[in-house]
PDB file of N, CA and C in Angstrom:
ATOM      1  N   LEU A   1    -342.608 195.224 251.304  1.00  0.00           N
ATOM      2  CA  LEU A   1    -342.162 194.174 250.498  1.00  0.00           C
ATOM      3  C   LEU A   1    -342.159 194.555 249.203  1.00  0.00           C
ATOM      4  N   VAL A   2    -341.203 194.028 248.237  1.00  0.00           N
ATOM      5  CA  VAL A   2    -340.969 194.341 246.769  1.00  0.00           C
ATOM      6  C   VAL A   2    -341.206 193.272 246.175  1.00  0.00           C
ATOM      7  N   GLN A   3    -342.310 193.271 245.115  1.00  0.00           N
ATOM      8  CA  GLN A   3    -342.210 192.017 244.311  1.00  0.00           C
ATOM      9  C   GLN A   3    -342.066 192.477 242.688  1.00  0.00           C
ATOM     10  N   LEU A   4    -341.327 192.049 242.308  1.00  0.00           N
ATOM     11  CA  LEU A   4    -340.902 191.944 241.010  1.00  0.00           C
ATOM     12  C   LEU A   4    -341.358 190.919 239.793  1.00  0.00           C
ATOM     13  N   ALA A   5    -341.712 191.285 238.530  1.00  0.00           N
ATOM     14  CA  ALA A   5    -342.030 190.341 237.663  1.00  0.00           C
ATOM     15  C   ALA A   5    -341.654 190.702 236.280  1.00  0.00           C
ATOM     16  N   GLU A   6    -340.863 190.084 235.636  1.00  0.00           N
ATOM     17  CA  GLU A   6    -340.339 190.274 234.291  1.00  0.00           C
ATOM     18  C   GLU A   6    -341.395 189.471 233.182  1.00  0.00           C
ATOM     19  N   SER A   7    -341.184 190.163 231.930  1.00  0.00           N
ATOM     20  CA  SER A   7    -341.664 189.805 230.805  1.00  0.00           C
ATOM     21  C   SER A   7    -341.059 189.993 229.645  1.00  0.00           C
ATOM     22  N   GLY A   8    -341.237 189.446 228.631  1.00  0.00           N
ATOM     23  CA  GLY A   8    -340.859 189.631 227.330  1.00  0.00           C
ATOM     24  C   GLY A   8    -339.641 189.048 226.598  1.00  0.00           C
ATOM     25  N   GLY A   9    -339.394 187.589 227.297  1.00  0.00           N
ATOM     26  CA  GLY A   9    -338.526 186.777 226.823  1.00  0.00           C
ATOM     27  C   GLY A   9    -338.998 186.049 225.730  1.00  0.00           C
ATOM     28  N   GLY A  10    -338.206 185.306 225.235  1.00  0.00           N
ATOM     29  CA  GLY A  10    -338.705 184.548 223.897  1.00  0.00           C
ATOM     30  C   GLY A  10    -337.510 184.151 223.167  1.00  0.00           C
ATOM     31  N   SER A  11    -337.723 183.626 221.938  1.00  0.00           N
ATOM     32  CA  SER A  11    -336.978 182.821 221.201  1.00  0.00           C
ATOM     33  C   SER A  11    -336.721 183.529 220.019  1.00  0.00           C
ATOM     34  N   VAL A  12    -335.426 184.188 219.401  1.00  0.00           N
ATOM     35  CA  VAL A  12    -335.120 185.070 218.354  1.00  0.00           C
ATOM     36  C   VAL A  12    -333.970 184.668 217.444  1.00  0.00           C
ATOM     37  N   GLN A  13    -333.736 184.833 216.474  1.00  0.00           N
ATOM     38  CA  GLN A  13    -332.565 184.532 215.486  1.00  0.00           C
ATOM     39  C   GLN A  13    -331.687 185.786 215.707  1.00  0.00           C
ATOM     40  N   ALA A  14    -330.289 185.452 215.679  1.00  0.00           N
ATOM     41  CA  ALA A  14    -329.137 186.392 215.805  1.00  0.00           C
ATOM     42  C   ALA A  14    -329.478 187.547 214.785  1.00  0.00           C
ATOM     43  N   GLY A  15    -329.405 188.727 215.490  1.00  0.00           N
ATOM     44  CA  GLY A  15    -329.498 189.777 214.710  1.00  0.00           C
ATOM     45  C   GLY A  15    -330.842 190.562 215.177  1.00  0.00           C
ATOM     46  N   GLY A  16    -331.717 189.781 215.611  1.00  0.00           N
ATOM     47  CA  GLY A  16    -332.951 190.282 216.094  1.00  0.00           C
ATOM     48  C   GLY A  16    -333.010 191.088 217.122  1.00  0.00           C
ATOM     49  N   SER A  17    -334.453 191.477 217.703  1.00  0.00           N
ATOM     50  CA  SER A  17    -334.465 192.291 218.894  1.00  0.00           C
ATOM     51  C   SER A  17    -335.519 191.723 219.768  1.00  0.00           C
ATOM     52  N   LEU A  18    -335.361 192.027 221.237  1.00  0.00           N
ATOM     53  CA  LEU A  18    -336.368 191.931 222.158  1.00  0.00           C
ATOM     54  C   LEU A  18    -336.382 192.938 223.143  1.00  0.00           C
ATOM     55  N   THR A  19    -337.619 193.161 223.734  1.00  0.00           N
ATOM     56  CA  THR A  19    -337.681 194.094 224.887  1.00  0.00           C
ATOM     57  C   THR A  19    -338.068 193.448 226.081  1.00  0.00           C
ATOM     58  N   LEU A  20    -337.349 193.430 227.138  1.00  0.00           N
ATOM     59  CA  LEU A  20    -337.932 192.913 228.496  1.00  0.00           C
ATOM     60  C   LEU A  20    -338.448 193.942 229.363  1.00  0.00           C
ATOM     61  N   SER A  21    -339.329 193.491 230.059  1.00  0.00           N
ATOM     62  CA  SER A  21    -340.020 194.646 230.806  1.00  0.00           C
ATOM     63  C   SER A  21    -339.926 194.092 232.403  1.00  0.00           C
ATOM     64  N   CYS A  22    -340.065 195.025 233.403  1.00  0.00           N
ATOM     65  CA  CYS A  22    -339.966 194.549 234.746  1.00  0.00           C
ATOM     66  C   CYS A  22    -340.743 195.611 235.606  1.00  0.00           C
ATOM     67  N   THR A  23    -341.829 195.067 236.238  1.00  0.00           N
ATOM     68  CA  THR A  23    -342.660 195.807 237.135  1.00  0.00           C
ATOM     69  C   THR A  23    -342.477 195.640 238.658  1.00  0.00           C
ATOM     70  N   GLY A  24    -342.852 196.677 239.708  1.00  0.00           N
ATOM     71  CA  GLY A  24    -342.871 196.457 240.877  1.00  0.00           C
ATOM     72  C   GLY A  24    -341.576 196.664 241.646  1.00  0.00           C
ATOM     73  N   TYR A  25    -341.022 197.850 241.041  1.00  0.00           N
ATOM     74  CA  TYR A  25    -340.059 198.431 241.936  1.00  0.00           C
ATOM     75  C   TYR A  25    -340.021 199.622 242.736  1.00  0.00           C
ATOM     76  N   THR A  26    -341.105 199.928 243.184  1.00  0.00           N
ATOM     77  CA  THR A  26    -341.460 200.955 244.030  1.00  0.00           C
ATOM     78  C   THR A  26    -340.502 200.890 245.286  1.00  0.00           C
ATOM     79  N   ASN A  27    -340.151 202.046 245.813  1.00  0.00           N
ATOM     80  CA  ASN A  27    -339.362 202.182 247.154  1.00  0.00           C
ATOM     81  C   ASN A  27    -338.044 201.575 247.005  1.00  0.00           C
ATOM     82  N   THR A  28    -337.446 201.568 245.601  1.00  0.00           N
ATOM     83  CA  THR A  28    -336.169 201.474 245.496  1.00  0.00           C
ATOM     84  C   THR A  28    -335.377 202.251 244.938  1.00  0.00           C
ATOM     85  N   THR A  29    -333.982 202.230 244.925  1.00  0.00           N
ATOM     86  CA  THR A  29    -333.182 203.142 244.165  1.00  0.00           C
ATOM     87  C   THR A  29    -332.419 202.688 242.885  1.00  0.00           C
ATOM     88  N   TYR A  30    -331.973 201.554 243.013  1.00  0.00           N
ATOM     89  CA  TYR A  30    -331.389 200.880 241.844  1.00  0.00           C
ATOM     90  C   TYR A  30    -332.106 199.790 241.501  1.00  0.00           C
ATOM     91  N   MET A  31    -332.349 199.626 240.127  1.00  0.00           N
ATOM     92  CA  MET A  31    -332.897 198.318 239.435  1.00  0.00           C
ATOM     93  C   MET A  31    -331.809 197.884 238.423  1.00  0.00           C
ATOM     94  N   GLY A  32    -331.809 196.480 238.313  1.00  0.00           N
ATOM     95  CA  GLY A  32    -330.815 195.959 237.390  1.00  0.00           C
ATOM     96  C   GLY A  32    -331.348 194.805 236.629  1.00  0.00           C
ATOM     97  N   TRP A  33    -330.904 194.554 235.355  1.00  0.00           N
ATOM     98  CA  TRP A  33    -331.046 193.121 234.852  1.00  0.00           C
ATOM     99  C   TRP A  33    -329.857 192.401 234.743  1.00  0.00           C
ATOM    100  N   PHE A  34    -329.812 191.225 235.186  1.00  0.00           N
ATOM    101  CA  PHE A  34    -328.982 189.990 235.174  1.00  0.00           C
ATOM    102  C   PHE A  34    -329.386 189.008 234.413  1.00  0.00           C
ATOM    103  N   ARG A  35    -328.148 188.406 234.097  1.00  0.00           N
ATOM    104  CA  ARG A  35    -328.472 187.245 233.128  1.00  0.00           C
ATOM    105  C   ARG A  35    -327.508 185.946 233.595  1.00  0.00           C
ATOM    106  N   GLN A  36    -328.051 184.908 233.311  1.00  0.00           N
ATOM    107  CA  GLN A  36    -327.233 183.462 233.811  1.00  0.00           C
ATOM    108  C   GLN A  36    -327.433 182.523 232.677  1.00  0.00           C
ATOM    109  N   ALA A  37    -326.322 182.104 231.903  1.00  0.00           N
ATOM    110  CA  ALA A  37    -326.223 180.800 231.290  1.00  0.00           C
ATOM    111  C   ALA A  37    -325.843 179.629 231.653  1.00  0.00           C
ATOM    112  N   PRO A  38    -326.287 178.496 231.227  1.00  0.00           N
ATOM    113  CA  PRO A  38    -325.811 177.279 231.963  1.00  0.00           C
ATOM    114  C   PRO A  38    -324.247 177.215 232.018  1.00  0.00           C
ATOM    115  N   GLY A  39    -323.783 176.821 233.167  1.00  0.00           N
ATOM    116  CA  GLY A  39    -322.091 176.911 233.228  1.00  0.00           C
ATOM    117  C   GLY A  39    -321.644 178.237 233.340  1.00  0.00           C
ATOM    118  N   LYS A  40    -322.168 179.246 233.505  1.00  0.00           N
ATOM    119  CA  LYS A  40    -321.640 180.326 233.527  1.00  0.00           C
ATOM    120  C   LYS A  40    -322.005 181.112 234.832  1.00  0.00           C
ATOM    121  N   GLU A  41    -321.240 182.158 235.404  1.00  0.00           N
ATOM    122  CA  GLU A  41    -321.562 182.877 236.462  1.00  0.00           C
ATOM    123  C   GLU A  41    -322.759 184.260 235.840  1.00  0.00           C
ATOM    124  N   ARG A  42    -323.466 184.438 236.929  1.00  0.00           N
ATOM    125  CA  ARG A  42    -324.610 185.483 236.690  1.00  0.00           C
ATOM    126  C   ARG A  42    -323.843 186.759 236.495  1.00  0.00           C
ATOM    127  N   GLU A  43    -324.275 187.381 235.407  1.00  0.00           N
ATOM    128  CA  GLU A  43    -323.365 188.506 234.832  1.00  0.00           C
ATOM    129  C   GLU A  43    -324.732 189.741 234.874  1.00  0.00           C
ATOM    130  N   GLY A  44    -323.874 190.896 235.294  1.00  0.00           N
ATOM    131  CA  GLY A  44    -324.774 192.066 235.225  1.00  0.00           C
ATOM    132  C   GLY A  44    -324.923 192.763 234.066  1.00  0.00           C
ATOM    133  N   VAL A  45    -325.915 192.937 233.291  1.00  0.00           N
ATOM    134  CA  VAL A  45    -326.301 193.465 232.077  1.00  0.00           C
ATOM    135  C   VAL A  45    -326.461 194.787 231.935  1.00  0.00           C
ATOM    136  N   ALA A  46    -327.229 195.417 233.067  1.00  0.00           N
ATOM    137  CA  ALA A  46    -327.475 196.857 232.929  1.00  0.00           C
ATOM    138  C   ALA A  46    -328.127 197.220 234.425  1.00  0.00           C
ATOM    139  N   ALA A  47    -328.180 198.593 234.550  1.00  0.00           N
ATOM    140  CA  ALA A  47    -328.715 198.978 235.691  1.00  0.00           C
ATOM    141  C   ALA A  47    -329.039 200.378 235.690  1.00  0.00           C
ATOM    142  N   ILE A  48    -330.010 200.746 236.337  1.00  0.00           N
ATOM    143  CA  ILE A  48    -330.395 202.144 236.442  1.00  0.00           C
ATOM    144  C   ILE A  48    -330.729 202.589 237.981  1.00  0.00           C
ATOM    145  N   HIS A  49    -330.445 204.126 238.184  1.00  0.00           N
ATOM    146  CA  HIS A  49    -330.806 204.632 239.311  1.00  0.00           C
ATOM    147  C   HIS A  49    -331.924 205.117 239.125  1.00  0.00           C
ATOM    148  N   PHE A  50    -333.195 204.769 239.563  1.00  0.00           N
ATOM    149  CA  PHE A  50    -334.638 205.152 238.976  1.00  0.00           C
ATOM    150  C   PHE A  50    -335.005 206.602 239.600  1.00  0.00           C
ATOM    151  N   VAL A  51    -334.149 207.133 240.637  1.00  0.00           N
ATOM    152  CA  VAL A  51    -334.476 208.467 241.099  1.00  0.00           C
ATOM    153  C   VAL A  51    -333.739 209.301 239.923  1.00  0.00           C
ATOM    154  N   VAL A  52    -332.869 209.343 239.593  1.00  0.00           N
ATOM    155  CA  VAL A  52    -332.128 210.292 238.443  1.00  0.00           C
ATOM    156  C   VAL A  52    -332.015 209.752 237.220  1.00  0.00           C
ATOM    157  N   GLY A  53    -332.308 208.401 236.739  1.00  0.00           N
ATOM    158  CA  GLY A  53    -332.482 207.855 235.593  1.00  0.00           C
ATOM    159  C   GLY A  53    -330.907 207.582 234.954  1.00  0.00           C
ATOM    160  N   SER A  54    -330.154 207.660 235.909  1.00  0.00           N
ATOM    161  CA  SER A  54    -328.414 207.117 235.315  1.00  0.00           C
ATOM    162  C   SER A  54    -328.380 205.789 234.794  1.00  0.00           C
ATOM    163  N   PRO A  55    -328.086 205.459 233.855  1.00  0.00           N
ATOM    164  CA  PRO A  55    -327.994 204.037 233.446  1.00  0.00           C
ATOM    165  C   PRO A  55    -326.590 203.603 233.451  1.00  0.00           C
ATOM    166  N   PHE A  56    -326.294 202.355 233.540  1.00  0.00           N
ATOM    167  CA  PHE A  56    -325.418 201.695 233.554  1.00  0.00           C
ATOM    168  C   PHE A  56    -325.354 200.439 232.717  1.00  0.00           C
ATOM    169  N   VAL A  57    -324.435 200.149 231.832  1.00  0.00           N
ATOM    170  CA  VAL A  57    -324.437 199.057 230.807  1.00  0.00           C
ATOM    171  C   VAL A  57    -323.290 198.372 230.728  1.00  0.00           C
ATOM    172  N   ALA A  58    -323.129 196.895 230.796  1.00  0.00           N
ATOM    173  CA  ALA A  58    -322.101 196.203 230.761  1.00  0.00           C
ATOM    174  C   ALA A  58    -321.329 196.393 229.371  1.00  0.00           C
ATOM    175  N   ASP A  59    -319.943 196.270 229.278  1.00  0.00           N
ATOM    176  CA  ASP A  59    -319.214 196.503 228.053  1.00  0.00           C
ATOM    177  C   ASP A  59    -319.811 195.398 227.231  1.00  0.00           C
ATOM    178  N   SER A  60    -320.137 194.321 227.486  1.00  0.00           N
ATOM    179  CA  SER A  60    -320.451 193.064 226.584  1.00  0.00           C
ATOM    180  C   SER A  60    -321.699 193.402 225.862  1.00  0.00           C
ATOM    181  N   VAL A  61    -322.503 194.447 226.343  1.00  0.00           N
ATOM    182  CA  VAL A  61    -323.788 194.593 225.639  1.00  0.00           C
ATOM    183  C   VAL A  61    -323.754 196.178 225.155  1.00  0.00           C
ATOM    184  N   LYS A  62    -322.786 196.783 225.508  1.00  0.00           N
ATOM    185  CA  LYS A  62    -322.945 198.165 225.332  1.00  0.00           C
ATOM    186  C   LYS A  62    -322.958 198.633 223.849  1.00  0.00           C
ATOM    187  N   GLY A  63    -323.742 199.448 223.440  1.00  0.00           N
ATOM    188  CA  GLY A  63    -324.147 199.780 222.025  1.00  0.00           C
ATOM    189  C   GLY A  63    -325.280 198.954 221.421  1.00  0.00           C
ATOM    190  N   ARG A  64    -325.601 197.731 222.044  1.00  0.00           N
ATOM    191  CA  ARG A  64    -326.551 196.901 221.642  1.00  0.00           C
ATOM    192  C   ARG A  64    -327.937 196.931 222.633  1.00  0.00           C
ATOM    193  N   PHE A  65    -327.619 196.941 223.876  1.00  0.00           N
ATOM    194  CA  PHE A  65    -328.774 197.196 224.874  1.00  0.00           C
ATOM    195  C   PHE A  65    -328.946 198.451 225.378  1.00  0.00           C
ATOM    196  N   THR A  66    -330.240 198.689 225.584  1.00  0.00           N
ATOM    197  CA  THR A  66    -330.529 199.887 226.411  1.00  0.00           C
ATOM    198  C   THR A  66    -331.634 200.044 227.534  1.00  0.00           C
ATOM    199  N   ILE A  67    -331.322 200.099 228.709  1.00  0.00           N
ATOM    200  CA  ILE A  67    -331.744 200.432 229.780  1.00  0.00           C
ATOM    201  C   ILE A  67    -332.952 201.365 229.919  1.00  0.00           C
ATOM    202  N   SER A  68    -333.852 201.637 230.534  1.00  0.00           N
ATOM    203  CA  SER A  68    -334.809 202.742 230.726  1.00  0.00           C
ATOM    204  C   SER A  68    -335.983 202.385 231.607  1.00  0.00           C
ATOM    205  N   GLN A  69    -336.768 203.469 231.872  1.00  0.00           N
ATOM    206  CA  GLN A  69    -337.776 203.070 232.913  1.00  0.00           C
ATOM    207  C   GLN A  69    -339.022 204.226 232.508  1.00  0.00           C
ATOM    208  N   ASP A  70    -339.935 203.778 232.943  1.00  0.00           N
ATOM    209  CA  ASP A  70    -341.421 204.627 232.795  1.00  0.00           C
ATOM    210  C   ASP A  70    -341.792 204.824 234.227  1.00  0.00           C
ATOM    211  N   LYS A  71    -341.681 205.900 234.891  1.00  0.00           N
ATOM    212  CA  LYS A  71    -342.156 206.043 236.398  1.00  0.00           C
ATOM    213  C   LYS A  71    -343.670 206.162 236.363  1.00  0.00           C
ATOM    214  N   ALA A  72    -344.093 206.495 235.348  1.00  0.00           N
ATOM    215  CA  ALA A  72    -345.619 206.889 235.323  1.00  0.00           C
ATOM    216  C   ALA A  72    -346.331 205.096 235.386  1.00  0.00           C
ATOM    217  N   LYS A  73    -345.737 204.198 234.471  1.00  0.00           N
ATOM    218  CA  LYS A  73    -346.302 202.871 234.489  1.00  0.00           C
ATOM    219  C   LYS A  73    -345.356 201.894 235.440  1.00  0.00           C
ATOM    220  N   ASN A  74    -344.411 202.423 236.191  1.00  0.00           N
ATOM    221  CA  ASN A  74    -343.941 201.617 237.218  1.00  0.00           C
ATOM    222  C   ASN A  74    -343.002 200.418 236.666  1.00  0.00           C
ATOM    223  N   THR A  75    -342.374 200.732 235.685  1.00  0.00           N
ATOM    224  CA  THR A  75    -341.712 199.802 234.506  1.00  0.00           C
ATOM    225  C   THR A  75    -340.252 199.991 234.241  1.00  0.00           C
ATOM    226  N   MET A  76    -339.672 199.053 234.361  1.00  0.00           N
ATOM    227  CA  MET A  76    -338.125 199.221 233.671  1.00  0.00           C
ATOM    228  C   MET A  76    -338.008 198.308 232.529  1.00  0.00           C
ATOM    229  N   TYR A  77    -337.347 198.716 231.525  1.00  0.00           N
ATOM    230  CA  TYR A  77    -337.169 198.199 230.422  1.00  0.00           C
ATOM    231  C   TYR A  77    -335.805 197.811 229.994  1.00  0.00           C
ATOM    232  N   LEU A  78    -335.676 196.706 229.164  1.00  0.00           N
ATOM    233  CA  LEU A  78    -334.375 196.527 228.652  1.00  0.00           C
ATOM    234  C   LEU A  78    -334.347 196.219 227.161  1.00  0.00           C
ATOM    235  N   GLN A  79    -333.929 197.205 226.274  1.00  0.00           N
ATOM    236  CA  GLN A  79    -334.132 196.942 224.765  1.00  0.00           C
ATOM    237  C   GLN A  79    -332.966 196.391 224.255  1.00  0.00           C
ATOM    238  N   MET A  80    -333.103 195.220 223.824  1.00  0.00           N
ATOM    239  CA  MET A  80    -331.823 194.616 223.128  1.00  0.00           C
ATOM    240  C   MET A  80    -332.045 194.317 221.737  1.00  0.00           C
ATOM    241  N   ASN A  81    -331.114 194.765 221.043  1.00  0.00           N
ATOM    242  CA  ASN A  81    -330.832 195.029 219.657  1.00  0.00           C
ATOM    243  C   ASN A  81    -329.648 194.093 219.296  1.00  0.00           C
ATOM    244  N   ARG A  82    -329.865 193.850 217.820  1.00  0.00           N
ATOM    245  CA  ARG A  82    -328.624 192.865 217.354  1.00  0.00           C
ATOM    246  C   ARG A  82    -328.238 191.830 218.358  1.00  0.00           C
ATOM    247  N   LEU A  83    -329.019 191.016 218.641  1.00  0.00           N
ATOM    248  CA  LEU A  83    -328.822 190.162 219.382  1.00  0.00           C
ATOM    249  C   LEU A  83    -327.867 188.777 218.970  1.00  0.00           C
ATOM    250  N   LYS A  84    -327.236 188.388 219.740  1.00  0.00           N
ATOM    251  CA  LYS A  84    -326.161 187.298 219.422  1.00  0.00           C
ATOM    252  C   LYS A  84    -326.326 185.923 220.221  1.00  0.00           C
ATOM    253  N   VAL A  85    -325.985 184.937 219.735  1.00  0.00           N
ATOM    254  CA  VAL A  85    -326.126 183.548 220.345  1.00  0.00           C
ATOM    255  C   VAL A  85    -325.688 183.539 221.726  1.00  0.00           C
ATOM    256  N   GLU A  86    -324.494 184.388 222.035  1.00  0.00           N
ATOM    257  CA  GLU A  86    -323.962 184.489 223.317  1.00  0.00           C
ATOM    258  C   GLU A  86    -324.909 185.201 224.261  1.00  0.00           C
ATOM    259  N   ASP A  87    -325.912 186.019 223.950  1.00  0.00           N
ATOM    260  CA  ASP A  87    -326.688 186.660 224.758  1.00  0.00           C
ATOM    261  C   ASP A  87    -327.797 185.622 225.421  1.00  0.00           C
ATOM    262  N   THR A  88    -327.889 184.333 224.884  1.00  0.00           N
ATOM    263  CA  THR A  88    -328.819 183.411 225.345  1.00  0.00           C
ATOM    264  C   THR A  88    -328.535 183.171 227.032  1.00  0.00           C
ATOM    265  N   ALA A  89    -329.567 183.535 227.791  1.00  0.00           N
ATOM    266  CA  ALA A  89    -329.651 183.202 229.069  1.00  0.00           C
ATOM    267  C   ALA A  89    -330.937 183.439 229.789  1.00  0.00           C
ATOM    268  N   LEU A  90    -331.025 183.114 230.995  1.00  0.00           N
ATOM    269  CA  LEU A  90    -332.137 183.641 231.857  1.00  0.00           C
ATOM    270  C   LEU A  90    -331.828 184.844 232.280  1.00  0.00           C
ATOM    271  N   TYR A  91    -332.798 186.008 231.827  1.00  0.00           N
ATOM    272  CA  TYR A  91    -332.544 187.117 232.636  1.00  0.00           C
ATOM    273  C   TYR A  91    -333.473 187.472 233.702  1.00  0.00           C
ATOM    274  N   SER A  92    -332.982 188.196 234.601  1.00  0.00           N
ATOM    275  CA  SER A  92    -333.690 188.477 235.973  1.00  0.00           C
ATOM    276  C   SER A  92    -333.538 189.919 236.038  1.00  0.00           C
ATOM    277  N   CYS A  93    -334.783 190.258 236.478  1.00  0.00           N
ATOM    278  CA  CYS A  93    -334.789 191.623 237.215  1.00  0.00           C
ATOM    279  C   CYS A  93    -334.634 191.751 238.653  1.00  0.00           C
ATOM    280  N   ALA A  94    -333.895 192.762 239.045  1.00  0.00           N
ATOM    281  CA  ALA A  94    -333.490 192.833 240.421  1.00  0.00           C
ATOM    282  C   ALA A  94    -333.686 194.369 240.881  1.00  0.00           C
ATOM    283  N   ALA A  95    -333.771 194.384 242.408  1.00  0.00           N
ATOM    284  CA  ALA A  95    -334.102 195.727 242.915  1.00  0.00           C
ATOM    285  C   ALA A  95    -333.325 195.774 244.106  1.00  0.00           C
ATOM    286  N   ARG A  96    -332.865 196.957 244.546  1.00  0.00           N
ATOM    287  CA  ARG A  96    -331.912 197.060 245.673  1.00  0.00           C
ATOM    288  C   ARG A  96    -332.807 197.712 246.712  1.00  0.00           C
ATOM    289  N   GLY A  97    -332.972 197.085 247.905  1.00  0.00           N
ATOM    290  CA  GLY A  97    -333.665 197.501 249.108  1.00  0.00           C
ATOM    291  C   GLY A  97    -332.374 197.820 250.089  1.00  0.00           C
ATOM    292  N   LEU A  98    -332.955 198.073 251.296  1.00  0.00           N
ATOM    293  CA  LEU A  98    -331.867 198.546 252.371  1.00  0.00           C
ATOM    294  C   LEU A  98    -331.337 197.223 252.859  1.00  0.00           C
ATOM    295  N   GLY A  99    -330.145 197.264 253.136  1.00  0.00           N
ATOM    296  CA  GLY A  99    -329.577 195.984 253.860  1.00  0.00           C
ATOM    297  C   GLY A  99    -328.279 195.676 253.102  1.00  0.00           C
ATOM    298  N   PRO A 100    -328.242 194.981 251.811  1.00  0.00           N
ATOM    299  CA  PRO A 100    -327.274 194.778 251.005  1.00  0.00           C
ATOM    300  C   PRO A 100    -326.033 195.681 250.895  1.00  0.00           C
ATOM    301  N   LYS A 101    -324.845 195.117 251.238  1.00  0.00           N
ATOM    302  CA  LYS A 101    -323.528 196.009 251.066  1.00  0.00           C
ATOM    303  C   LYS A 101    -323.368 196.423 249.400  1.00  0.00           C
ATOM    304  N   TRP A 102    -323.043 197.662 249.326  1.00  0.00           N
ATOM    305  CA  TRP A 102    -323.001 197.960 247.754  1.00  0.00           C
ATOM    306  C   TRP A 102    -321.913 197.729 247.202  1.00  0.00           C
ATOM    307  N   ALA A 103    -321.795 196.791 246.315  1.00  0.00           N
ATOM    308  CA  ALA A 103    -320.827 196.435 245.166  1.00  0.00           C
ATOM    309  C   ALA A 103    -320.551 196.809 244.138  1.00  0.00           C
ATOM    310  N   GLY A 104    -321.452 197.974 243.651  1.00  0.00           N
ATOM    311  CA  GLY A 104    -321.657 198.254 242.103  1.00  0.00           C
ATOM    312  C   GLY A 104    -323.022 198.062 241.668  1.00  0.00           C
ATOM    313  N   PRO A 105    -323.348 198.624 240.669  1.00  0.00           N
ATOM    314  CA  PRO A 105    -324.722 198.579 240.143  1.00  0.00           C
ATOM    315  C   PRO A 105    -324.809 197.350 239.300  1.00  0.00           C
ATOM    316  N   LEU A 106    -323.762 196.735 238.829  1.00  0.00           N
ATOM    317  CA  LEU A 106    -323.962 195.616 237.917  1.00  0.00           C
ATOM    318  C   LEU A 106    -323.233 194.331 238.752  1.00  0.00           C
ATOM    319  N   ASN A 107    -323.233 194.455 240.151  1.00  0.00           N
ATOM    320  CA  ASN A 107    -322.769 193.457 240.842  1.00  0.00           C
ATOM    321  C   ASN A 107    -323.917 192.727 241.614  1.00  0.00           C
ATOM    322  N   TRP A 108    -324.520 191.563 241.300  1.00  0.00           N
ATOM    323  CA  TRP A 108    -325.632 190.980 241.907  1.00  0.00           C
ATOM    324  C   TRP A 108    -325.987 191.216 243.556  1.00  0.00           C
ATOM    325  N   SER A 109    -324.684 191.069 244.237  1.00  0.00           N
ATOM    326  CA  SER A 109    -324.733 191.123 245.540  1.00  0.00           C
ATOM    327  C   SER A 109    -325.209 192.445 246.077  1.00  0.00           C
ATOM    328  N   SER A 110    -325.350 193.573 245.149  1.00  0.00           N
ATOM    329  CA  SER A 110    -325.983 194.679 245.470  1.00  0.00           C
ATOM    330  C   SER A 110    -327.420 194.714 245.554  1.00  0.00           C
ATOM    331  N   TYR A 111    -328.174 193.838 245.230  1.00  0.00           N
ATOM    332  CA  TYR A 111    -329.728 193.603 245.137  1.00  0.00           C
ATOM    333  C   TYR A 111    -330.137 192.530 246.047  1.00  0.00           C
ATOM    334  N   ASN A 112    -331.438 192.799 246.556  1.00  0.00           N
ATOM    335  CA  ASN A 112    -331.914 191.470 247.457  1.00  0.00           C
ATOM    336  C   ASN A 112    -333.398 191.534 247.114  1.00  0.00           C
ATOM    337  N   TYR A 113    -333.779 191.904 245.842  1.00  0.00           N
ATOM    338  CA  TYR A 113    -335.188 191.460 245.503  1.00  0.00           C
ATOM    339  C   TYR A 113    -335.013 190.994 244.020  1.00  0.00           C
ATOM    340  N   TRP A 114    -335.689 189.998 243.640  1.00  0.00           N
ATOM    341  CA  TRP A 114    -335.532 189.414 242.285  1.00  0.00           C
ATOM    342  C   TRP A 114    -336.810 189.032 241.729  1.00  0.00           C
ATOM    343  N   GLY A 115    -337.048 188.943 240.614  1.00  0.00           N
ATOM    344  CA  GLY A 115    -338.147 188.443 239.912  1.00  0.00           C
ATOM    345  C   GLY A 115    -337.825 187.011 239.485  1.00  0.00           C
ATOM    346  N   GLN A 116    -338.872 186.402 238.712  1.00  0.00           N
ATOM    347  CA  GLN A 116    -338.796 184.978 238.644  1.00  0.00           C
ATOM    348  C   GLN A 116    -337.912 184.696 237.472  1.00  0.00           C
ATOM    349  N   GLY A 117    -337.420 185.760 236.535  1.00  0.00           N
ATOM    350  CA  GLY A 117    -336.585 185.611 235.547  1.00  0.00           C
ATOM    351  C   GLY A 117    -337.498 184.966 234.154  1.00  0.00           C
ATOM    352  N   THR A 118    -336.863 185.445 233.190  1.00  0.00           N
ATOM    353  CA  THR A 118    -337.431 185.438 231.574  1.00  0.00           C
ATOM    354  C   THR A 118    -336.198 185.148 230.905  1.00  0.00           C
ATOM    355  N   GLN A 119    -336.864 183.773 230.034  1.00  0.00           N
ATOM    356  CA  GLN A 119    -335.670 183.083 229.161  1.00  0.00           C
ATOM    357  C   GLN A 119    -335.723 184.112 227.673  1.00  0.00           C
ATOM    358  N   VAL A 120    -334.371 184.187 227.400  1.00  0.00           N
ATOM    359  CA  VAL A 120    -334.000 184.661 226.059  1.00  0.00           C
ATOM    360  C   VAL A 120    -333.116 183.860 225.572  1.00  0.00           C
ATOM    361  N   THR A 121    -333.703 183.337 224.431  1.00  0.00           N
ATOM    362  CA  THR A 121    -332.833 182.223 223.528  1.00  0.00           C
ATOM    363  C   THR A 121    -332.721 182.804 222.204  1.00  0.00           C
ATOM    364  N   VAL A 122    -331.242 182.848 221.866  1.00  0.00           N
ATOM    365  CA  VAL A 122    -330.797 183.570 220.633  1.00  0.00           C
ATOM    366  C   VAL A 122    -330.284 182.550 219.573  1.00  0.00           C
ATOM    367  N   SER A 123    -330.835 182.073 218.548  1.00  0.00           N
ATOM    368  CA  SER A 123    -330.428 181.011 217.606  1.00  0.00           C
ATOM    369  C   SER A 123    -329.629 181.500 216.451  1.00  0.00           C
ATOM    370  N   SER A 124    -328.535 180.939 215.828  1.00  0.00           N
ATOM    371  CA  SER A 124    -327.872 181.323 214.725  1.00  0.00           C
ATOM    372  C   SER A 124    -328.650 181.033 213.467  1.00  0.00           C
TER     373      SER A 124
END
């Protein structure tokens, strides 16, 4: 059983920064960050293959967001810089276990374990 927990969300003005953390991804291969805003579909933000540390970042946040991991702390991070109002969403941490059909690292259907989500609100 995989149990995930996110933290680090909050409210920030446009141009500011936040760092999200996710713990509890032991015995998984891929971890990812997804976000969903009201009226919009769930969007893959970033993902990482924690065995080799290979990162994947969505074009919409490339150059601003960085995904990383600290195996010693069993934690995955999402460093978000130069935040925009359009980044406002509920951000969820996801992990891949055995079972889901692979649809790519930034596709939510590739994952079957999810955290409770942490809200990020960016104001102008």
